[in-house]
Amino acid sequence: MRIIWFRLRTAVSGRGSDAGMSTSEYAMGTIAACAFAAVLYKVVTSDVVSTALQSTIGKALDAPF
């Protein structure tokens, strides 16, 4: 009966026998985060986005109150 209760509790809580990520999973997560940051940096610093941001900020600063 204890085994059934433990399995039911584990299934409901969503926690299995793995308590966390392994070193390789942390490494892959870090690489993915760095790649995403690099792509986001390239997009934000591109001419099109930079011009759009400057235009938006300029319009906001020139708005009449």
C-alpha atoms as a PDB file:
ATOM      1  CA  MET A   1       0.000   0.000   0.000  1.00  0.00           C
ATOM      2  CA  ARG A   2       2.880   2.394   0.727  1.00  0.00           C
ATOM      3  CA  ILE A   3       4.318   1.853  -2.751  1.00  0.00           C
ATOM      4  CA  ILE A   4       0.997   2.714  -4.388  1.00  0.00           C
ATOM      5  CA  TRP A   5       0.664   5.836  -2.233  1.00  0.00           C
ATOM      6  CA  PHE A   6       4.229   6.936  -3.098  1.00  0.00           C
ATOM      7  CA  ARG A   7       3.671   6.425  -6.826  1.00  0.00           C
ATOM      8  CA  LEU A   8       0.382   8.294  -6.706  1.00  0.00           C
ATOM      9  CA  ARG A   9       1.928  11.171  -4.766  1.00  0.00           C
ATOM     10  CA  THR A  10       4.882  11.294  -7.177  1.00  0.00           C
ATOM     11  CA  ALA A  11       2.589  11.311 -10.219  1.00  0.00           C
ATOM     12  CA  VAL A  12       0.388  14.074  -8.809  1.00  0.00           C
ATOM     13  CA  SER A  13       3.234  16.296  -7.645  1.00  0.00           C
ATOM     14  CA  GLY A  14       5.136  15.904 -10.922  1.00  0.00           C
ATOM     15  CA  ARG A  15       8.360  14.997  -9.167  1.00  0.00           C
ATOM     16  CA  GLY A  16      10.072  11.861 -10.261  1.00  0.00           C
ATOM     17  CA  SER A  17      13.321  10.308  -9.217  1.00  0.00           C
ATOM     18  CA  ASP A  18      15.351  13.006 -11.020  1.00  0.00           C
ATOM     19  CA  ALA A  19      15.919  15.870  -8.642  1.00  0.00           C
ATOM     20  CA  GLY A  20      17.616  18.205 -11.106  1.00  0.00           C
ATOM     21  CA  MET A  21      19.596  18.643 -14.268  1.00  0.00           C
ATOM     22  CA  SER A  22      22.881  16.937 -14.919  1.00  0.00           C
ATOM     23  CA  THR A  23      26.057  18.776 -15.859  1.00  0.00           C
ATOM     24  CA  SER A  24      25.548  18.153 -19.575  1.00  0.00           C
ATOM     25  CA  GLU A  25      22.005  19.535 -19.378  1.00  0.00           C
ATOM     26  CA  TYR A  26      23.311  22.680 -17.657  1.00  0.00           C
ATOM     27  CA  ALA A  27      25.974  23.015 -20.371  1.00  0.00           C
ATOM     28  CA  MET A  28      23.413  22.674 -23.175  1.00  0.00           C
ATOM     29  CA  GLY A  29      21.106  25.161 -21.443  1.00  0.00           C
ATOM     30  CA  THR A  30      23.951  27.643 -21.078  1.00  0.00           C
ATOM     31  CA  ILE A  31      24.948  27.280 -24.732  1.00  0.00           C
ATOM     32  CA  ALA A  32      21.339  27.744 -25.833  1.00  0.00           C
ATOM     33  CA  ALA A  33      20.955  30.850 -23.647  1.00  0.00           C
ATOM     34  CA  CYS A  34      24.178  32.352 -25.041  1.00  0.00           C
ATOM     35  CA  ALA A  35      23.092  31.638 -28.621  1.00  0.00           C
ATOM     36  CA  PHE A  36      19.704  33.252 -27.976  1.00  0.00           C
ATOM     37  CA  ALA A  37      21.404  36.290 -26.422  1.00  0.00           C
ATOM     38  CA  ALA A  38      23.709  36.622 -29.437  1.00  0.00           C
ATOM     39  CA  VAL A  39      20.799  36.484 -31.885  1.00  0.00           C
ATOM     40  CA  LEU A  40      18.797  38.971 -29.809  1.00  0.00           C
ATOM     41  CA  TYR A  41      21.794  41.332 -29.661  1.00  0.00           C
ATOM     42  CA  LYS A  42      22.199  41.154 -33.440  1.00  0.00           C
ATOM     43  CA  VAL A  43      18.496  41.887 -33.971  1.00  0.00           C
ATOM     44  CA  VAL A  44      18.390  44.801 -31.535  1.00  0.00           C
ATOM     45  CA  THR A  45      21.572  46.394 -32.913  1.00  0.00           C
ATOM     46  CA  SER A  46      20.516  46.029 -36.559  1.00  0.00           C
ATOM     47  CA  ASP A  47      19.903  49.202 -38.558  1.00  0.00           C
ATOM     48  CA  VAL A  48      16.177  48.580 -39.012  1.00  0.00           C
ATOM     49  CA  VAL A  49      15.439  47.984 -35.340  1.00  0.00           C
ATOM     50  CA  SER A  50      17.781  50.757 -34.207  1.00  0.00           C
ATOM     51  CA  THR A  51      16.066  53.253 -36.504  1.00  0.00           C
ATOM     52  CA  ALA A  52      12.626  52.144 -35.330  1.00  0.00           C
ATOM     53  CA  LEU A  53      13.614  52.481 -31.664  1.00  0.00           C
ATOM     54  CA  GLN A  54      15.110  55.933 -32.230  1.00  0.00           C
ATOM     55  CA  SER A  55      11.968  57.010 -34.066  1.00  0.00           C
ATOM     56  CA  THR A  56       9.699  55.706 -31.314  1.00  0.00           C
ATOM     57  CA  ILE A  57      11.739  57.358 -28.571  1.00  0.00           C
ATOM     58  CA  GLY A  58      11.890  60.616 -30.538  1.00  0.00           C
ATOM     59  CA  LYS A  59       8.111  60.638 -30.984  1.00  0.00           C
ATOM     60  CA  ALA A  60       7.610  59.934 -27.279  1.00  0.00           C
ATOM     61  CA  LEU A  61       9.912  62.792 -26.258  1.00  0.00           C
ATOM     62  CA  ASP A  62       8.286  65.244 -28.683  1.00  0.00           C
ATOM     63  CA  ALA A  63       4.726  64.429 -27.602  1.00  0.00           C
ATOM     64  CA  PRO A  64       2.705  67.441 -26.447  1.00  0.00           C
ATOM     65  CA  PHE A  65       1.423  67.363 -22.891  1.00  0.00           C
END
